[in-house]
Amino acid sequence: MRGAEIAIVFGEEEPNIFKISFRAIDNANVQKIAKNFGGGGHLAAAGATVEGIEKEVVKKVIDYAKKTLN
């Protein structure tokens, strides 16, 4: 996708438990985003596992990513 700085992929591992993968282009720091949700990784590739209702988890992660990148 043109203009995207990061990609976020959500996968439901168990009911209400989501594995989230973050990938970055250029210098975006996805490790910082993952760390906020108890995960970790590298500057350009990171992940986290988050428990909650799908709609709420997606909103919370995307909102935080936007705030972090701005």
PDB file of N, CA and C in Angstrom:
ATOM      1  N   MET A   1       0.844  -1.166   0.000  1.00  0.00           N
ATOM      2  CA  MET A   1       0.000   0.000   0.000  1.00  0.00           C
ATOM      3  C   MET A   1       0.896   1.237   0.000  1.00  0.00           C
ATOM      4  N   ARG A   2       0.706   2.082  -0.956  1.00  0.00           N
ATOM      5  CA  ARG A   2       1.531   3.290  -1.058  1.00  0.00           C
ATOM      6  C   ARG A   2       1.300   4.231   0.115  1.00  0.00           C
ATOM      7  N   GLY A   3       2.382   4.764   0.605  1.00  0.00           N
ATOM      8  CA  GLY A   3       2.308   5.728   1.692  1.00  0.00           C
ATOM      9  C   GLY A   3       2.242   5.100   3.076  1.00  0.00           C
ATOM     10  N   ALA A   4       2.135   3.790   3.157  1.00  0.00           N
ATOM     11  CA  ALA A   4       2.062   3.133   4.465  1.00  0.00           C
ATOM     12  C   ALA A   4       3.436   3.105   5.114  1.00  0.00           C
ATOM     13  N   GLU A   5       3.490   3.420   6.385  1.00  0.00           N
ATOM     14  CA  GLU A   5       4.732   3.346   7.144  1.00  0.00           C
ATOM     15  C   GLU A   5       4.864   2.009   7.845  1.00  0.00           C
ATOM     16  N   ILE A   6       3.718   1.446   8.246  1.00  0.00           N
ATOM     17  CA  ILE A   6       3.729   0.150   8.933  1.00  0.00           C
ATOM     18  C   ILE A   6       2.571  -0.713   8.442  1.00  0.00           C
ATOM     19  N   ALA A   7       2.701  -2.015   8.717  1.00  0.00           N
ATOM     20  CA  ALA A   7       1.605  -2.967   8.496  1.00  0.00           C
ATOM     21  C   ALA A   7       1.315  -3.640   9.830  1.00  0.00           C
ATOM     22  N   ILE A   8       0.043  -3.824  10.114  1.00  0.00           N
ATOM     23  CA  ILE A   8      -0.378  -4.495  11.339  1.00  0.00           C
ATOM     24  C   ILE A   8      -1.309  -5.634  10.940  1.00  0.00           C
ATOM     25  N   VAL A   9      -0.986  -6.848  11.409  1.00  0.00           N
ATOM     26  CA  VAL A   9      -1.812  -8.025  11.107  1.00  0.00           C
ATOM     27  C   VAL A   9      -2.323  -8.592  12.422  1.00  0.00           C
ATOM     28  N   PHE A  10      -3.641  -8.778  12.502  1.00  0.00           N
ATOM     29  CA  PHE A  10      -4.282  -9.322  13.692  1.00  0.00           C
ATOM     30  C   PHE A  10      -4.716 -10.759  13.402  1.00  0.00           C
ATOM     31  N   GLY A  11      -4.401 -11.667  14.293  1.00  0.00           N
ATOM     32  CA  GLY A  11      -4.860 -13.048  14.169  1.00  0.00           C
ATOM     33  C   GLY A  11      -5.430 -13.507  15.497  1.00  0.00           C
ATOM     34  N   GLU A  12      -6.617 -14.084  15.476  1.00  0.00           N
ATOM     35  CA  GLU A  12      -7.233 -14.562  16.719  1.00  0.00           C
ATOM     36  C   GLU A  12      -6.747 -15.980  16.991  1.00  0.00           C
ATOM     37  N   GLU A  13      -5.901 -16.130  17.995  1.00  0.00           N
ATOM     38  CA  GLU A  13      -5.315 -17.415  18.354  1.00  0.00           C
ATOM     39  C   GLU A  13      -6.316 -18.289  19.113  1.00  0.00           C
ATOM     40  N   GLU A  14      -7.049 -17.673  20.011  1.00  0.00           N
ATOM     41  CA  GLU A  14      -8.101 -18.307  20.798  1.00  0.00           C
ATOM     42  C   GLU A  14      -9.197 -17.261  20.924  1.00  0.00           C
ATOM     43  N   PRO A  15     -10.382 -17.647  21.374  1.00  0.00           N
ATOM     44  CA  PRO A  15     -11.414 -16.631  21.536  1.00  0.00           C
ATOM     45  C   PRO A  15     -10.916 -15.464  22.397  1.00  0.00           C
ATOM     46  N   ASN A  16     -10.973 -14.268  21.834  1.00  0.00           N
ATOM     47  CA  ASN A  16     -10.598 -13.030  22.520  1.00  0.00           C
ATOM     48  C   ASN A  16      -9.114 -12.920  22.877  1.00  0.00           C
ATOM     49  N   ILE A  17      -8.259 -13.694  22.206  1.00  0.00           N
ATOM     50  CA  ILE A  17      -6.809 -13.565  22.369  1.00  0.00           C
ATOM     51  C   ILE A  17      -6.214 -13.384  20.979  1.00  0.00           C
ATOM     52  N   PHE A  18      -5.610 -12.215  20.764  1.00  0.00           N
ATOM     53  CA  PHE A  18      -5.137 -11.828  19.439  1.00  0.00           C
ATOM     54  C   PHE A  18      -3.622 -11.730  19.386  1.00  0.00           C
ATOM     55  N   LYS A  19      -3.044 -12.400  18.405  1.00  0.00           N
ATOM     56  CA  LYS A  19      -1.618 -12.269  18.112  1.00  0.00           C
ATOM     57  C   LYS A  19      -1.507 -11.168  17.068  1.00  0.00           C
ATOM     58  N   ILE A  20      -0.674 -10.184  17.360  1.00  0.00           N
ATOM     59  CA  ILE A  20      -0.547  -9.028  16.481  1.00  0.00           C
ATOM     60  C   ILE A  20       0.886  -8.936  15.984  1.00  0.00           C
ATOM     61  N   SER A  21       1.044  -8.836  14.672  1.00  0.00           N
ATOM     62  CA  SER A  21       2.358  -8.680  14.056  1.00  0.00           C
ATOM     63  C   SER A  21       2.471  -7.281  13.473  1.00  0.00           C
ATOM     64  N   PHE A  22       3.608  -6.658  13.716  1.00  0.00           N
ATOM     65  CA  PHE A  22       3.885  -5.316  13.220  1.00  0.00           C
ATOM     66  C   PHE A  22       5.106  -5.378  12.309  1.00  0.00           C
ATOM     67  N   ARG A  23       5.026  -4.740  11.157  1.00  0.00           N
ATOM     68  CA  ARG A  23       6.166  -4.624  10.250  1.00  0.00           C
ATOM     69  C   ARG A  23       6.295  -3.165   9.844  1.00  0.00           C
ATOM     70  N   ALA A  24       7.535  -2.697   9.714  1.00  0.00           N
ATOM     71  CA  ALA A  24       7.778  -1.292   9.404  1.00  0.00           C
ATOM     72  C   ALA A  24       8.544  -1.128   8.101  1.00  0.00           C
ATOM     73  N   ILE A  25       8.303   0.011   7.481  1.00  0.00           N
ATOM     74  CA  ILE A  25       9.047   0.440   6.314  1.00  0.00           C
ATOM     75  C   ILE A  25       9.868   1.647   6.757  1.00  0.00           C
ATOM     76  N   ASP A  26      11.068   1.752   6.273  1.00  0.00           N
ATOM     77  CA  ASP A  26      11.961   2.866   6.610  1.00  0.00           C
ATOM     78  C   ASP A  26      12.257   2.890   8.103  1.00  0.00           C
ATOM     79  N   ASN A  27      12.023   4.002   8.753  1.00  0.00           N
ATOM     80  CA  ASN A  27      12.460   4.166  10.140  1.00  0.00           C
ATOM     81  C   ASN A  27      11.341   4.127  11.176  1.00  0.00           C
ATOM     82  N   ALA A  28      10.167   3.684  10.818  1.00  0.00           N
ATOM     83  CA  ALA A  28       9.085   3.582  11.805  1.00  0.00           C
ATOM     84  C   ALA A  28       9.475   2.556  12.864  1.00  0.00           C
ATOM     85  N   ASN A  29       9.213   2.846  14.126  1.00  0.00           N
ATOM     86  CA  ASN A  29       9.602   1.974  15.231  1.00  0.00           C
ATOM     87  C   ASN A  29       8.408   1.166  15.728  1.00  0.00           C
ATOM     88  N   VAL A  30       8.229  -0.033  15.180  1.00  0.00           N
ATOM     89  CA  VAL A  30       7.113  -0.868  15.613  1.00  0.00           C
ATOM     90  C   VAL A  30       7.407  -1.585  16.928  1.00  0.00           C
ATOM     91  N   GLN A  31       8.673  -1.677  17.308  1.00  0.00           N
ATOM     92  CA  GLN A  31       9.021  -2.278  18.590  1.00  0.00           C
ATOM     93  C   GLN A  31       8.376  -1.493  19.729  1.00  0.00           C
ATOM     94  N   LYS A  32       8.381  -0.174  19.615  1.00  0.00           N
ATOM     95  CA  LYS A  32       7.774   0.689  20.641  1.00  0.00           C
ATOM     96  C   LYS A  32       6.277   0.422  20.757  1.00  0.00           C
ATOM     97  N   ILE A  33       5.620   0.217  19.632  1.00  0.00           N
ATOM     98  CA  ILE A  33       4.185  -0.066  19.638  1.00  0.00           C
ATOM     99  C   ILE A  33       3.927  -1.412  20.306  1.00  0.00           C
ATOM    100  N   ALA A  34       4.668  -2.440  19.889  1.00  0.00           N
ATOM    101  CA  ALA A  34       4.493  -3.778  20.457  1.00  0.00           C
ATOM    102  C   ALA A  34       4.772  -3.787  21.958  1.00  0.00           C
ATOM    103  N   LYS A  35       5.808  -3.091  22.373  1.00  0.00           N
ATOM    104  CA  LYS A  35       6.178  -3.045  23.792  1.00  0.00           C
ATOM    105  C   LYS A  35       5.045  -2.480  24.642  1.00  0.00           C
ATOM    106  N   ASN A  36       4.334  -1.494  24.123  1.00  0.00           N
ATOM    107  CA  ASN A  36       3.203  -0.916  24.853  1.00  0.00           C
ATOM    108  C   ASN A  36       2.135  -1.961  25.166  1.00  0.00           C
ATOM    109  N   PHE A  37       2.057  -3.004  24.347  1.00  0.00           N
ATOM    110  CA  PHE A  37       1.051  -4.052  24.536  1.00  0.00           C
ATOM    111  C   PHE A  37       1.654  -5.334  25.097  1.00  0.00           C
ATOM    112  N   GLY A  38       2.818  -5.229  25.733  1.00  0.00           N
ATOM    113  CA  GLY A  38       3.441  -6.371  26.390  1.00  0.00           C
ATOM    114  C   GLY A  38       4.256  -7.253  25.470  1.00  0.00           C
ATOM    115  N   GLY A  39       4.505  -6.799  24.257  1.00  0.00           N
ATOM    116  CA  GLY A  39       5.266  -7.586  23.300  1.00  0.00           C
ATOM    117  C   GLY A  39       6.673  -7.058  23.138  1.00  0.00           C
ATOM    118  N   GLY A  40       7.281  -7.405  22.029  1.00  0.00           N
ATOM    119  CA  GLY A  40       8.640  -6.974  21.776  1.00  0.00           C
ATOM    120  C   GLY A  40       9.040  -7.290  20.354  1.00  0.00           C
ATOM    121  N   GLY A  41      10.324  -7.192  20.104  1.00  0.00           N
ATOM    122  CA  GLY A  41      10.833  -7.479  18.777  1.00  0.00           C
ATOM    123  C   GLY A  41      11.928  -6.524  18.398  1.00  0.00           C
ATOM    124  N   HIS A  42      11.953  -6.165  17.144  1.00  0.00           N
ATOM    125  CA  HIS A  42      12.980  -5.296  16.589  1.00  0.00           C
ATOM    126  C   HIS A  42      12.341  -4.023  16.057  1.00  0.00           C
ATOM    127  N   LEU A  43      13.180  -3.075  15.698  1.00  0.00           N
ATOM    128  CA  LEU A  43      12.714  -1.796  15.180  1.00  0.00           C
ATOM    129  C   LEU A  43      11.717  -1.973  14.034  1.00  0.00           C
ATOM    130  N   ALA A  44      12.010  -2.882  13.099  1.00  0.00           N
ATOM    131  CA  ALA A  44      11.179  -3.033  11.904  1.00  0.00           C
ATOM    132  C   ALA A  44      10.245  -4.238  11.931  1.00  0.00           C
ATOM    133  N   ALA A  45      10.357  -5.097  12.942  1.00  0.00           N
ATOM    134  CA  ALA A  45       9.493  -6.280  13.027  1.00  0.00           C
ATOM    135  C   ALA A  45       9.273  -6.623  14.500  1.00  0.00           C
ATOM    136  N   ALA A  46       8.013  -6.642  14.898  1.00  0.00           N
ATOM    137  CA  ALA A  46       7.704  -6.894  16.301  1.00  0.00           C
ATOM    138  C   ALA A  46       6.337  -7.549  16.415  1.00  0.00           C
ATOM    139  N   GLY A  47       5.987  -7.982  17.625  1.00  0.00           N
ATOM    140  CA  GLY A  47       4.695  -8.614  17.833  1.00  0.00           C
ATOM    141  C   GLY A  47       4.255  -8.542  19.280  1.00  0.00           C
ATOM    142  N   ALA A  48       2.988  -8.824  19.489  1.00  0.00           N
ATOM    143  CA  ALA A  48       2.409  -8.817  20.828  1.00  0.00           C
ATOM    144  C   ALA A  48       1.171  -9.709  20.826  1.00  0.00           C
ATOM    145  N   THR A  49       0.790 -10.140  21.999  1.00  0.00           N
ATOM    146  CA  THR A  49      -0.459 -10.875  22.183  1.00  0.00           C
ATOM    147  C   THR A  49      -1.330 -10.045  23.112  1.00  0.00           C
ATOM    148  N   VAL A  50      -2.564  -9.780  22.664  1.00  0.00           N
ATOM    149  CA  VAL A  50      -3.465  -8.909  23.414  1.00  0.00           C
ATOM    150  C   VAL A  50      -4.792  -9.622  23.613  1.00  0.00           C
ATOM    151  N   GLU A  51      -5.305  -9.548  24.830  1.00  0.00           N
ATOM    152  CA  GLU A  51      -6.585 -10.157  25.160  1.00  0.00           C
ATOM    153  C   GLU A  51      -7.667  -9.086  25.161  1.00  0.00           C
ATOM    154  N   GLY A  52      -8.828  -9.427  24.623  1.00  0.00           N
ATOM    155  CA  GLY A  52      -9.945  -8.500  24.643  1.00  0.00           C
ATOM    156  C   GLY A  52     -10.916  -8.743  23.509  1.00  0.00           C
ATOM    157  N   ILE A  53     -11.928  -7.908  23.433  1.00  0.00           N
ATOM    158  CA  ILE A  53     -12.929  -7.960  22.378  1.00  0.00           C
ATOM    159  C   ILE A  53     -12.290  -7.440  21.089  1.00  0.00           C
ATOM    160  N   GLU A  54     -12.504  -8.148  19.990  1.00  0.00           N
ATOM    161  CA  GLU A  54     -11.827  -7.826  18.725  1.00  0.00           C
ATOM    162  C   GLU A  54     -11.904  -6.346  18.366  1.00  0.00           C
ATOM    163  N   LYS A  55     -13.089  -5.801  18.339  1.00  0.00           N
ATOM    164  CA  LYS A  55     -13.281  -4.407  17.936  1.00  0.00           C
ATOM    165  C   LYS A  55     -12.483  -3.456  18.828  1.00  0.00           C
ATOM    166  N   GLU A  56     -12.466  -3.720  20.129  1.00  0.00           N
ATOM    167  CA  GLU A  56     -11.754  -2.865  21.073  1.00  0.00           C
ATOM    168  C   GLU A  56     -10.245  -3.004  20.929  1.00  0.00           C
ATOM    169  N   VAL A  57      -9.760  -4.238  20.729  1.00  0.00           N
ATOM    170  CA  VAL A  57      -8.328  -4.479  20.560  1.00  0.00           C
ATOM    171  C   VAL A  57      -7.825  -3.774  19.305  1.00  0.00           C
ATOM    172  N   VAL A  58      -8.535  -3.936  18.200  1.00  0.00           N
ATOM    173  CA  VAL A  58      -8.127  -3.313  16.938  1.00  0.00           C
ATOM    174  C   VAL A  58      -8.084  -1.800  17.083  1.00  0.00           C
ATOM    175  N   LYS A  59      -9.108  -1.222  17.670  1.00  0.00           N
ATOM    176  CA  LYS A  59      -9.154   0.239  17.844  1.00  0.00           C
ATOM    177  C   LYS A  59      -8.014   0.719  18.728  1.00  0.00           C
ATOM    178  N   LYS A  60      -7.795   0.040  19.849  1.00  0.00           N
ATOM    179  CA  LYS A  60      -6.758   0.439  20.788  1.00  0.00           C
ATOM    180  C   LYS A  60      -5.371   0.389  20.133  1.00  0.00           C
ATOM    181  N   VAL A  61      -5.089  -0.674  19.400  1.00  0.00           N
ATOM    182  CA  VAL A  61      -3.778  -0.833  18.764  1.00  0.00           C
ATOM    183  C   VAL A  61      -3.585   0.203  17.663  1.00  0.00           C
ATOM    184  N   ILE A  62      -4.577   0.386  16.810  1.00  0.00           N
ATOM    185  CA  ILE A  62      -4.459   1.343  15.714  1.00  0.00           C
ATOM    186  C   ILE A  62      -4.349   2.774  16.245  1.00  0.00           C
ATOM    187  N   ASP A  63      -5.142   3.108  17.248  1.00  0.00           N
ATOM    188  CA  ASP A  63      -5.065   4.455  17.832  1.00  0.00           C
ATOM    189  C   ASP A  63      -3.672   4.720  18.408  1.00  0.00           C
ATOM    190  N   TYR A  64      -3.128   3.729  19.125  1.00  0.00           N
ATOM    191  CA  TYR A  64      -1.797   3.911  19.707  1.00  0.00           C
ATOM    192  C   TYR A  64      -0.728   4.005  18.614  1.00  0.00           C
ATOM    193  N   ALA A  65      -0.849   3.195  17.575  1.00  0.00           N
ATOM    194  CA  ALA A  65       0.114   3.247  16.471  1.00  0.00           C
ATOM    195  C   ALA A  65       0.090   4.619  15.802  1.00  0.00           C
ATOM    196  N   LYS A  66      -1.091   5.142  15.555  1.00  0.00           N
ATOM    197  CA  LYS A  66      -1.201   6.474  14.945  1.00  0.00           C
ATOM    198  C   LYS A  66      -0.543   7.531  15.822  1.00  0.00           C
ATOM    199  N   LYS A  67      -0.823   7.479  17.114  1.00  0.00           N
ATOM    200  CA  LYS A  67      -0.254   8.441  18.058  1.00  0.00           C
ATOM    201  C   LYS A  67       1.267   8.332  18.094  1.00  0.00           C
ATOM    202  N   THR A  68       1.770   7.125  18.068  1.00  0.00           N
ATOM    203  CA  THR A  68       3.211   6.890  18.128  1.00  0.00           C
ATOM    204  C   THR A  68       3.925   7.355  16.870  1.00  0.00           C
ATOM    205  N   LEU A  69       3.293   7.183  15.717  1.00  0.00           N
ATOM    206  CA  LEU A  69       3.925   7.563  14.463  1.00  0.00           C
ATOM    207  C   LEU A  69       3.850   9.055  14.189  1.00  0.00           C
ATOM    208  N   ASN A  70       2.906   9.747  14.800  1.00  0.00           N
ATOM    209  CA  ASN A  70       2.769  11.201  14.563  1.00  0.00           C
ATOM    210  C   ASN A  70       3.723  12.015  15.355  1.00  0.00           C
TER     211      ASN A  70
END
